[in-house]
């Protein structure tokens, strides 16, 4: 049976997709290993075929026209399915080979995912699990570029209608210290706590903002001796006895640090699993199932 054909040029759409995502002809040239004039020519050809302007040139670079934004929705879905098909062929349905790439902060991969990774690798020893640990904005950017299979992130997550999100666990936070260095601290309220040497995340950190709001209501001003965003760094300084740190309870317990029991409830934070069902391979689906059926 003859297949219908309208002379669709997939290469033109590949160039359009790359330019639309990078919003840069020069970056697209580097990504696709095609000269910049050739990139421009491809876009011109596609615009001619569609009889539609796709990009505006501005002082800040290029912007998509409303028509291009509409087209990108369909091109991105097609691109996702092509990538998925290619990976499924490479990995096979029997999960005897393949790779799962997970984007998450370092502390989550260390303290929250260990048992699930062990379980998955025991059942599927030939699947490679790769962690990409970075800041939130970088991880979302990599995820949107399809460099990551799924994200495991704390807090309110930037999602769209094409993404699936489910709650993996809830982080409880606490103030903690090294009893072997500082001795036993008998502190029961935030006011007395802030009179000690306290280590907090920086003011841009979501957990710090929530904590500061709670203290402001009580008329307490946070005045830490150190601001540390990386939880691994916070753990190291608290272990050295520099002061009282603020971190997830699970992290404190794993490092044998003592928790301060306060007369108020401290903020909690949900950790979510985020993925695009259209781009999950068989191996990444299996890992998502393990996380969702814990």
C-alpha atoms as a PDB file:
ATOM      1  CA  UNK A   1       0.000   0.000   0.000  1.00  0.00           C
ATOM      2  CA  UNK A   2       1.387   3.353  -0.986  1.00  0.00           C
ATOM      3  CA  UNK A   3       1.952   5.803   1.852  1.00  0.00           C
ATOM      4  CA  UNK A   4       0.603   9.347   1.581  1.00  0.00           C
ATOM      5  CA  UNK A   5       3.333  11.918   1.028  1.00  0.00           C
ATOM      6  CA  UNK A   6       3.297  15.706   0.966  1.00  0.00           C
ATOM      7  CA  UNK A   7       7.062  16.106   0.624  1.00  0.00           C
ATOM      8  CA  UNK A   8       7.465  16.777   4.357  1.00  0.00           C
ATOM      9  CA  UNK A   9      11.052  17.844   5.023  1.00  0.00           C
ATOM     10  CA  UNK A  10      11.891  16.608   8.519  1.00  0.00           C
ATOM     11  CA  UNK A  11      15.274  18.339   8.439  1.00  0.00           C
ATOM     12  CA  UNK A  12      13.589  21.743   8.175  1.00  0.00           C
ATOM     13  CA  UNK A  13      11.501  20.954  11.232  1.00  0.00           C
ATOM     14  CA  UNK A  14      14.575  19.767  13.125  1.00  0.00           C
ATOM     15  CA  UNK A  15      16.215  23.144  12.488  1.00  0.00           C
ATOM     16  CA  UNK A  16      13.010  24.988  13.389  1.00  0.00           C
ATOM     17  CA  UNK A  17      12.720  23.042  16.648  1.00  0.00           C
ATOM     18  CA  UNK A  18      16.323  23.812  17.644  1.00  0.00           C
ATOM     19  CA  UNK A  19      16.033  27.524  16.820  1.00  0.00           C
ATOM     20  CA  UNK A  20      12.697  27.744  18.637  1.00  0.00           C
ATOM     21  CA  UNK A  21      14.158  26.165  21.792  1.00  0.00           C
ATOM     22  CA  UNK A  22      17.445  28.101  21.812  1.00  0.00           C
ATOM     23  CA  UNK A  23      16.067  31.348  20.371  1.00  0.00           C
ATOM     24  CA  UNK A  24      19.442  31.806  18.765  1.00  0.00           C
ATOM     25  CA  UNK A  25      20.708  31.141  15.246  1.00  0.00           C
ATOM     26  CA  UNK A  26      24.322  31.032  16.442  1.00  0.00           C
ATOM     27  CA  UNK A  27      23.609  28.549  19.251  1.00  0.00           C
ATOM     28  CA  UNK A  28      21.525  26.422  16.874  1.00  0.00           C
ATOM     29  CA  UNK A  29      24.458  26.441  14.469  1.00  0.00           C
ATOM     30  CA  UNK A  30      26.741  25.041  17.179  1.00  0.00           C
ATOM     31  CA  UNK A  31      24.155  22.495  18.323  1.00  0.00           C
ATOM     32  CA  UNK A  32      23.398  21.145  14.855  1.00  0.00           C
ATOM     33  CA  UNK A  33      26.922  21.586  13.428  1.00  0.00           C
ATOM     34  CA  UNK A  34      25.480  23.574  10.533  1.00  0.00           C
ATOM     35  CA  UNK A  35      26.686  27.014   9.442  1.00  0.00           C
ATOM     36  CA  UNK A  36      24.644  29.997  10.566  1.00  0.00           C
ATOM     37  CA  UNK A  37      23.771  31.029   6.985  1.00  0.00           C
ATOM     38  CA  UNK A  38      22.525  27.467   6.397  1.00  0.00           C
ATOM     39  CA  UNK A  39      20.338  27.711   9.522  1.00  0.00           C
ATOM     40  CA  UNK A  40      18.825  30.941   8.221  1.00  0.00           C
ATOM     41  CA  UNK A  41      18.246  29.365   4.805  1.00  0.00           C
ATOM     42  CA  UNK A  42      16.464  26.363   6.349  1.00  0.00           C
ATOM     43  CA  UNK A  43      14.134  28.666   8.298  1.00  0.00           C
ATOM     44  CA  UNK A  44      13.458  30.730   5.173  1.00  0.00           C
ATOM     45  CA  UNK A  45      12.614  27.572   3.234  1.00  0.00           C
ATOM     46  CA  UNK A  46      10.207  26.404   5.939  1.00  0.00           C
ATOM     47  CA  UNK A  47       8.575  29.830   6.085  1.00  0.00           C
ATOM     48  CA  UNK A  48       8.185  29.699   2.293  1.00  0.00           C
ATOM     49  CA  UNK A  49       6.657  26.207   2.405  1.00  0.00           C
ATOM     50  CA  UNK A  50       4.220  27.211   5.178  1.00  0.00           C
ATOM     51  CA  UNK A  51       3.666  30.737   3.807  1.00  0.00           C
ATOM     52  CA  UNK A  52       4.084  31.924   7.394  1.00  0.00           C
ATOM     53  CA  UNK A  53       6.559  34.120   9.263  1.00  0.00           C
ATOM     54  CA  UNK A  54       8.061  32.062  12.109  1.00  0.00           C
ATOM     55  CA  UNK A  55      10.492  34.404  13.883  1.00  0.00           C
ATOM     56  CA  UNK A  56      10.801  38.099  14.671  1.00  0.00           C
ATOM     57  CA  UNK A  57      14.268  39.611  14.872  1.00  0.00           C
ATOM     58  CA  UNK A  58      14.673  41.938  17.860  1.00  0.00           C
ATOM     59  CA  UNK A  59      17.535  43.791  19.533  1.00  0.00           C
ATOM     60  CA  UNK A  60      17.700  40.969  22.098  1.00  0.00           C
ATOM     61  CA  UNK A  61      17.760  38.178  19.506  1.00  0.00           C
ATOM     62  CA  UNK A  62      14.787  36.371  18.000  1.00  0.00           C
ATOM     63  CA  UNK A  63      11.257  35.711  19.179  1.00  0.00           C
ATOM     64  CA  UNK A  64       8.673  33.219  17.960  1.00  0.00           C
ATOM     65  CA  UNK A  65       5.616  34.532  16.163  1.00  0.00           C
ATOM     66  CA  UNK A  66       2.224  33.358  17.464  1.00  0.00           C
ATOM     67  CA  UNK A  67       2.055  30.959  14.502  1.00  0.00           C
ATOM     68  CA  UNK A  68       5.473  29.528  15.370  1.00  0.00           C
ATOM     69  CA  UNK A  69       4.409  28.985  19.001  1.00  0.00           C
ATOM     70  CA  UNK A  70       1.398  27.001  17.782  1.00  0.00           C
ATOM     71  CA  UNK A  71       3.573  24.968  15.406  1.00  0.00           C
ATOM     72  CA  UNK A  72       6.148  24.270  18.122  1.00  0.00           C
ATOM     73  CA  UNK A  73       3.548  22.434  20.242  1.00  0.00           C
ATOM     74  CA  UNK A  74       3.108  19.814  17.513  1.00  0.00           C
ATOM     75  CA  UNK A  75       6.763  19.683  16.473  1.00  0.00           C
ATOM     76  CA  UNK A  76       7.869  19.128  20.073  1.00  0.00           C
ATOM     77  CA  UNK A  77       5.439  16.238  20.494  1.00  0.00           C
ATOM     78  CA  UNK A  78       6.690  14.680  17.244  1.00  0.00           C
ATOM     79  CA  UNK A  79      10.296  15.186  18.359  1.00  0.00           C
ATOM     80  CA  UNK A  80       9.549  13.510  21.711  1.00  0.00           C
ATOM     81  CA  UNK A  81       8.015  10.462  20.017  1.00  0.00           C
ATOM     82  CA  UNK A  82      10.955  10.133  17.617  1.00  0.00           C
ATOM     83  CA  UNK A  83      13.411  10.246  20.528  1.00  0.00           C
ATOM     84  CA  UNK A  84      11.359   7.721  22.446  1.00  0.00           C
ATOM     85  CA  UNK A  85      11.196   5.358  19.462  1.00  0.00           C
ATOM     86  CA  UNK A  86      14.939   5.575  18.936  1.00  0.00           C
ATOM     87  CA  UNK A  87      15.709   4.880  22.591  1.00  0.00           C
ATOM     88  CA  UNK A  88      13.212   2.011  22.772  1.00  0.00           C
ATOM     89  CA  UNK A  89      14.906   0.352  19.794  1.00  0.00           C
ATOM     90  CA  UNK A  90      18.330   0.836  21.367  1.00  0.00           C
ATOM     91  CA  UNK A  91      17.301  -0.380  24.830  1.00  0.00           C
ATOM     92  CA  UNK A  92      14.908  -3.151  23.915  1.00  0.00           C
ATOM     93  CA  UNK A  93      11.660  -4.082  25.667  1.00  0.00           C
ATOM     94  CA  UNK A  94      13.229  -6.667  28.004  1.00  0.00           C
ATOM     95  CA  UNK A  95      15.196  -4.084  30.012  1.00  0.00           C
ATOM     96  CA  UNK A  96      18.485  -5.811  29.250  1.00  0.00           C
ATOM     97  CA  UNK A  97      20.216  -2.534  28.385  1.00  0.00           C
ATOM     98  CA  UNK A  98      19.624   1.192  28.547  1.00  0.00           C
ATOM     99  CA  UNK A  99      20.115   4.313  30.647  1.00  0.00           C
ATOM    100  CA  UNK A 100      17.954   6.331  33.018  1.00  0.00           C
ATOM    101  CA  UNK A 101      19.003   9.947  33.613  1.00  0.00           C
ATOM    102  CA  UNK A 102      17.584  11.581  36.739  1.00  0.00           C
ATOM    103  CA  UNK A 103      17.846  15.273  37.582  1.00  0.00           C
ATOM    104  CA  UNK A 104      17.767  16.028  41.299  1.00  0.00           C
ATOM    105  CA  UNK A 105      19.635  17.962  44.026  1.00  0.00           C
ATOM    106  CA  UNK A 106      22.572  16.005  45.444  1.00  0.00           C
ATOM    107  CA  UNK A 107      21.079  15.498  48.908  1.00  0.00           C
ATOM    108  CA  UNK A 108      17.926  13.879  47.495  1.00  0.00           C
ATOM    109  CA  UNK A 109      19.952  11.353  45.512  1.00  0.00           C
ATOM    110  CA  UNK A 110      21.974  10.527  48.642  1.00  0.00           C
ATOM    111  CA  UNK A 111      19.355  10.477  51.385  1.00  0.00           C
ATOM    112  CA  UNK A 112      16.023   9.753  49.692  1.00  0.00           C
ATOM    113  CA  UNK A 113      16.658   7.543  46.666  1.00  0.00           C
ATOM    114  CA  UNK A 114      19.227   5.045  47.887  1.00  0.00           C
ATOM    115  CA  UNK A 115      16.859   2.141  48.639  1.00  0.00           C
ATOM    116  CA  UNK A 116      14.891   2.605  45.401  1.00  0.00           C
ATOM    117  CA  UNK A 117      18.031   2.652  43.290  1.00  0.00           C
ATOM    118  CA  UNK A 118      19.242  -0.527  45.002  1.00  0.00           C
ATOM    119  CA  UNK A 119      15.913  -2.252  44.355  1.00  0.00           C
ATOM    120  CA  UNK A 120      15.859  -1.208  40.704  1.00  0.00           C
ATOM    121  CA  UNK A 121      19.463  -2.228  40.022  1.00  0.00           C
ATOM    122  CA  UNK A 122      18.949  -5.582  41.711  1.00  0.00           C
ATOM    123  CA  UNK A 123      16.126  -6.367  39.268  1.00  0.00           C
ATOM    124  CA  UNK A 124      17.754  -4.679  36.257  1.00  0.00           C
ATOM    125  CA  UNK A 125      21.544  -4.888  36.649  1.00  0.00           C
ATOM    126  CA  UNK A 126      22.255  -3.928  33.026  1.00  0.00           C
ATOM    127  CA  UNK A 127      20.426  -0.590  33.146  1.00  0.00           C
ATOM    128  CA  UNK A 128      22.731   2.367  33.842  1.00  0.00           C
ATOM    129  CA  UNK A 129      21.372   4.963  36.288  1.00  0.00           C
ATOM    130  CA  UNK A 130      22.825   8.451  35.890  1.00  0.00           C
ATOM    131  CA  UNK A 131      22.282  11.300  38.334  1.00  0.00           C
ATOM    132  CA  UNK A 132      22.594  14.907  37.229  1.00  0.00           C
ATOM    133  CA  UNK A 133      22.916  17.109  40.336  1.00  0.00           C
ATOM    134  CA  UNK A 134      22.572  20.838  39.814  1.00  0.00           C
ATOM    135  CA  UNK A 135      20.574  23.900  40.789  1.00  0.00           C
ATOM    136  CA  UNK A 136      16.838  23.979  40.103  1.00  0.00           C
ATOM    137  CA  UNK A 137      16.852  26.273  37.053  1.00  0.00           C
ATOM    138  CA  UNK A 138      19.602  24.271  35.325  1.00  0.00           C
ATOM    139  CA  UNK A 139      17.811  20.982  35.951  1.00  0.00           C
ATOM    140  CA  UNK A 140      14.566  22.317  34.502  1.00  0.00           C
ATOM    141  CA  UNK A 141      16.423  23.608  31.471  1.00  0.00           C
ATOM    142  CA  UNK A 142      18.062  20.207  30.897  1.00  0.00           C
ATOM    143  CA  UNK A 143      14.709  18.489  31.385  1.00  0.00           C
ATOM    144  CA  UNK A 144      13.046  20.754  28.827  1.00  0.00           C
ATOM    145  CA  UNK A 145      15.869  19.950  26.413  1.00  0.00           C
ATOM    146  CA  UNK A 146      15.093  16.228  26.904  1.00  0.00           C
ATOM    147  CA  UNK A 147      18.511  15.576  28.444  1.00  0.00           C
ATOM    148  CA  UNK A 148      16.829  14.145  31.561  1.00  0.00           C
ATOM    149  CA  UNK A 149      14.219  11.389  31.799  1.00  0.00           C
ATOM    150  CA  UNK A 150      12.680  12.677  35.012  1.00  0.00           C
ATOM    151  CA  UNK A 151      13.099  15.215  37.765  1.00  0.00           C
ATOM    152  CA  UNK A 152      12.862  14.598  41.507  1.00  0.00           C
ATOM    153  CA  UNK A 153      12.533  18.045  43.050  1.00  0.00           C
ATOM    154  CA  UNK A 154      11.460  19.718  46.296  1.00  0.00           C
ATOM    155  CA  UNK A 155       8.829  22.434  46.554  1.00  0.00           C
ATOM    156  CA  UNK A 156       6.288  23.918  44.165  1.00  0.00           C
ATOM    157  CA  UNK A 157       7.282  22.724  40.742  1.00  0.00           C
ATOM    158  CA  UNK A 158       7.060  24.404  37.355  1.00  0.00           C
ATOM    159  CA  UNK A 159       4.874  22.085  35.376  1.00  0.00           C
ATOM    160  CA  UNK A 160       2.683  22.202  32.303  1.00  0.00           C
ATOM    161  CA  UNK A 161      -0.266  20.129  31.126  1.00  0.00           C
ATOM    162  CA  UNK A 162       1.987  17.632  29.296  1.00  0.00           C
ATOM    163  CA  UNK A 163       3.847  16.662  32.480  1.00  0.00           C
ATOM    164  CA  UNK A 164       2.911  14.135  35.133  1.00  0.00           C
ATOM    165  CA  UNK A 165       3.642  14.954  38.771  1.00  0.00           C
ATOM    166  CA  UNK A 166       3.212  12.877  41.890  1.00  0.00           C
ATOM    167  CA  UNK A 167       4.266  13.330  45.496  1.00  0.00           C
ATOM    168  CA  UNK A 168       7.212  11.108  46.371  1.00  0.00           C
ATOM    169  CA  UNK A 169       7.667  12.081  50.004  1.00  0.00           C
ATOM    170  CA  UNK A 170       7.490  14.996  52.440  1.00  0.00           C
ATOM    171  CA  UNK A 171      10.579  16.554  53.982  1.00  0.00           C
ATOM    172  CA  UNK A 172      10.383  17.575  57.615  1.00  0.00           C
ATOM    173  CA  UNK A 173      12.942  20.212  58.607  1.00  0.00           C
ATOM    174  CA  UNK A 174      14.664  20.659  61.939  1.00  0.00           C
ATOM    175  CA  UNK A 175      17.415  22.519  63.768  1.00  0.00           C
ATOM    176  CA  UNK A 176      20.257  20.148  64.555  1.00  0.00           C
ATOM    177  CA  UNK A 177      23.725  20.108  66.110  1.00  0.00           C
ATOM    178  CA  UNK A 178      26.652  17.887  67.043  1.00  0.00           C
ATOM    179  CA  UNK A 179      26.135  16.939  70.695  1.00  0.00           C
ATOM    180  CA  UNK A 180      29.661  15.468  70.959  1.00  0.00           C
ATOM    181  CA  UNK A 181      31.155  18.900  70.221  1.00  0.00           C
ATOM    182  CA  UNK A 182      28.620  21.343  71.701  1.00  0.00           C
ATOM    183  CA  UNK A 183      27.266  19.242  74.550  1.00  0.00           C
ATOM    184  CA  UNK A 184      23.544  18.886  75.184  1.00  0.00           C
ATOM    185  CA  UNK A 185      21.602  22.017  74.213  1.00  0.00           C
ATOM    186  CA  UNK A 186      18.362  22.582  76.134  1.00  0.00           C
ATOM    187  CA  UNK A 187      16.570  24.951  73.757  1.00  0.00           C
ATOM    188  CA  UNK A 188      12.797  24.856  73.334  1.00  0.00           C
ATOM    189  CA  UNK A 189      11.850  28.000  71.418  1.00  0.00           C
ATOM    190  CA  UNK A 190      12.952  29.916  68.318  1.00  0.00           C
ATOM    191  CA  UNK A 191      13.746  33.099  70.253  1.00  0.00           C
ATOM    192  CA  UNK A 192      16.360  31.352  72.430  1.00  0.00           C
ATOM    193  CA  UNK A 193      17.594  29.374  69.424  1.00  0.00           C
ATOM    194  CA  UNK A 194      18.461  32.540  67.486  1.00  0.00           C
ATOM    195  CA  UNK A 195      20.690  33.709  70.346  1.00  0.00           C
ATOM    196  CA  UNK A 196      23.068  30.873  69.448  1.00  0.00           C
ATOM    197  CA  UNK A 197      25.383  30.381  66.470  1.00  0.00           C
ATOM    198  CA  UNK A 198      22.922  29.367  63.752  1.00  0.00           C
ATOM    199  CA  UNK A 199      23.588  28.306  60.160  1.00  0.00           C
ATOM    200  CA  UNK A 200      20.753  28.951  57.695  1.00  0.00           C
ATOM    201  CA  UNK A 201      20.214  28.801  53.944  1.00  0.00           C
ATOM    202  CA  UNK A 202      20.556  32.134  52.126  1.00  0.00           C
ATOM    203  CA  UNK A 203      17.582  34.504  51.934  1.00  0.00           C
ATOM    204  CA  UNK A 204      16.878  33.497  48.313  1.00  0.00           C
ATOM    205  CA  UNK A 205      16.288  29.894  49.431  1.00  0.00           C
ATOM    206  CA  UNK A 206      12.587  28.889  49.562  1.00  0.00           C
ATOM    207  CA  UNK A 207      12.926  27.139  52.923  1.00  0.00           C
ATOM    208  CA  UNK A 208      14.653  30.193  54.418  1.00  0.00           C
ATOM    209  CA  UNK A 209      11.854  32.465  53.194  1.00  0.00           C
ATOM    210  CA  UNK A 210       9.199  30.232  54.772  1.00  0.00           C
ATOM    211  CA  UNK A 211      11.165  30.050  58.033  1.00  0.00           C
ATOM    212  CA  UNK A 212      11.697  33.833  58.137  1.00  0.00           C
ATOM    213  CA  UNK A 213       7.959  34.406  57.622  1.00  0.00           C
ATOM    214  CA  UNK A 214       7.206  32.094  60.563  1.00  0.00           C
ATOM    215  CA  UNK A 215       9.701  33.916  62.785  1.00  0.00           C
ATOM    216  CA  UNK A 216       8.469  37.361  61.729  1.00  0.00           C
ATOM    217  CA  UNK A 217       4.972  36.441  62.944  1.00  0.00           C
ATOM    218  CA  UNK A 218       6.569  35.666  66.340  1.00  0.00           C
ATOM    219  CA  UNK A 219       8.567  38.900  66.290  1.00  0.00           C
ATOM    220  CA  UNK A 220      11.887  37.085  65.851  1.00  0.00           C
ATOM    221  CA  UNK A 221      14.604  38.207  63.433  1.00  0.00           C
ATOM    222  CA  UNK A 222      16.983  35.569  62.048  1.00  0.00           C
ATOM    223  CA  UNK A 223      20.628  36.516  62.419  1.00  0.00           C
ATOM    224  CA  UNK A 224      22.714  33.522  61.290  1.00  0.00           C
ATOM    225  CA  UNK A 225      26.491  33.430  61.604  1.00  0.00           C
ATOM    226  CA  UNK A 226      26.643  31.672  58.242  1.00  0.00           C
ATOM    227  CA  UNK A 227      24.413  31.237  55.191  1.00  0.00           C
ATOM    228  CA  UNK A 228      24.828  27.942  53.304  1.00  0.00           C
ATOM    229  CA  UNK A 229      22.588  26.747  50.461  1.00  0.00           C
ATOM    230  CA  UNK A 230      24.151  23.336  49.862  1.00  0.00           C
ATOM    231  CA  UNK A 231      22.882  20.858  52.453  1.00  0.00           C
ATOM    232  CA  UNK A 232      26.064  18.782  52.161  1.00  0.00           C
ATOM    233  CA  UNK A 233      28.096  21.866  53.185  1.00  0.00           C
ATOM    234  CA  UNK A 234      25.685  22.581  56.028  1.00  0.00           C
ATOM    235  CA  UNK A 235      26.150  19.028  57.330  1.00  0.00           C
ATOM    236  CA  UNK A 236      29.945  19.348  57.233  1.00  0.00           C
ATOM    237  CA  UNK A 237      29.973  22.590  59.255  1.00  0.00           C
ATOM    238  CA  UNK A 238      27.445  21.317  61.805  1.00  0.00           C
ATOM    239  CA  UNK A 239      29.502  18.146  62.288  1.00  0.00           C
ATOM    240  CA  UNK A 240      32.519  20.355  62.994  1.00  0.00           C
ATOM    241  CA  UNK A 241      30.541  22.059  65.754  1.00  0.00           C
ATOM    242  CA  UNK A 242      30.477  25.513  64.155  1.00  0.00           C
ATOM    243  CA  UNK A 243      26.849  25.941  65.116  1.00  0.00           C
ATOM    244  CA  UNK A 244      23.254  24.796  64.861  1.00  0.00           C
ATOM    245  CA  UNK A 245      22.153  23.948  61.339  1.00  0.00           C
ATOM    246  CA  UNK A 246      18.795  23.891  59.553  1.00  0.00           C
ATOM    247  CA  UNK A 247      18.186  20.838  57.392  1.00  0.00           C
ATOM    248  CA  UNK A 248      15.774  17.952  56.648  1.00  0.00           C
ATOM    249  CA  UNK A 249      15.239  15.576  59.575  1.00  0.00           C
ATOM    250  CA  UNK A 250      16.223  12.617  57.388  1.00  0.00           C
ATOM    251  CA  UNK A 251      19.597  14.214  56.630  1.00  0.00           C
ATOM    252  CA  UNK A 252      20.257  14.990  60.301  1.00  0.00           C
ATOM    253  CA  UNK A 253      19.414  11.445  61.361  1.00  0.00           C
ATOM    254  CA  UNK A 254      21.580   9.903  58.645  1.00  0.00           C
ATOM    255  CA  UNK A 255      24.551  11.927  59.942  1.00  0.00           C
ATOM    256  CA  UNK A 256      23.935  11.133  63.648  1.00  0.00           C
ATOM    257  CA  UNK A 257      23.191  14.758  64.514  1.00  0.00           C
ATOM    258  CA  UNK A 258      20.976  15.708  67.448  1.00  0.00           C
ATOM    259  CA  UNK A 259      17.620  17.347  66.806  1.00  0.00           C
ATOM    260  CA  UNK A 260      16.404  20.331  68.837  1.00  0.00           C
ATOM    261  CA  UNK A 261      12.788  19.844  69.911  1.00  0.00           C
ATOM    262  CA  UNK A 262      11.038  23.210  69.664  1.00  0.00           C
ATOM    263  CA  UNK A 263       7.626  24.268  70.935  1.00  0.00           C
ATOM    264  CA  UNK A 264       6.502  25.103  67.388  1.00  0.00           C
ATOM    265  CA  UNK A 265       6.116  23.203  64.141  1.00  0.00           C
ATOM    266  CA  UNK A 266       8.732  23.907  61.496  1.00  0.00           C
ATOM    267  CA  UNK A 267       7.987  24.126  57.753  1.00  0.00           C
ATOM    268  CA  UNK A 268       7.733  20.999  55.622  1.00  0.00           C
ATOM    269  CA  UNK A 269       8.346  20.547  51.923  1.00  0.00           C
ATOM    270  CA  UNK A 270       7.017  18.052  49.397  1.00  0.00           C
ATOM    271  CA  UNK A 271       9.407  16.230  47.050  1.00  0.00           C
ATOM    272  CA  UNK A 272       7.783  15.561  43.679  1.00  0.00           C
ATOM    273  CA  UNK A 273       8.584  13.236  40.785  1.00  0.00           C
ATOM    274  CA  UNK A 274       8.093  15.000  37.436  1.00  0.00           C
ATOM    275  CA  UNK A 275       8.152  13.396  34.001  1.00  0.00           C
ATOM    276  CA  UNK A 276       6.699  13.465  30.513  1.00  0.00           C
ATOM    277  CA  UNK A 277       4.891  10.189  29.872  1.00  0.00           C
ATOM    278  CA  UNK A 278       5.400  10.615  26.123  1.00  0.00           C
ATOM    279  CA  UNK A 279       9.193  10.452  26.483  1.00  0.00           C
ATOM    280  CA  UNK A 280       9.590   7.678  29.073  1.00  0.00           C
ATOM    281  CA  UNK A 281      11.338   4.553  27.841  1.00  0.00           C
ATOM    282  CA  UNK A 282      10.509   1.121  29.250  1.00  0.00           C
ATOM    283  CA  UNK A 283      13.379   1.351  31.751  1.00  0.00           C
ATOM    284  CA  UNK A 284      12.455   4.822  33.009  1.00  0.00           C
ATOM    285  CA  UNK A 285       8.781   3.761  33.273  1.00  0.00           C
ATOM    286  CA  UNK A 286       9.855   0.838  35.443  1.00  0.00           C
ATOM    287  CA  UNK A 287      11.804   3.148  37.769  1.00  0.00           C
ATOM    288  CA  UNK A 288       8.886   5.588  38.005  1.00  0.00           C
ATOM    289  CA  UNK A 289       6.655   2.639  38.962  1.00  0.00           C
ATOM    290  CA  UNK A 290       9.017   1.737  41.788  1.00  0.00           C
ATOM    291  CA  UNK A 291       8.922   5.327  43.094  1.00  0.00           C
ATOM    292  CA  UNK A 292       5.144   5.573  42.864  1.00  0.00           C
ATOM    293  CA  UNK A 293       4.472   2.190  44.492  1.00  0.00           C
ATOM    294  CA  UNK A 294       6.840   2.517  47.437  1.00  0.00           C
END
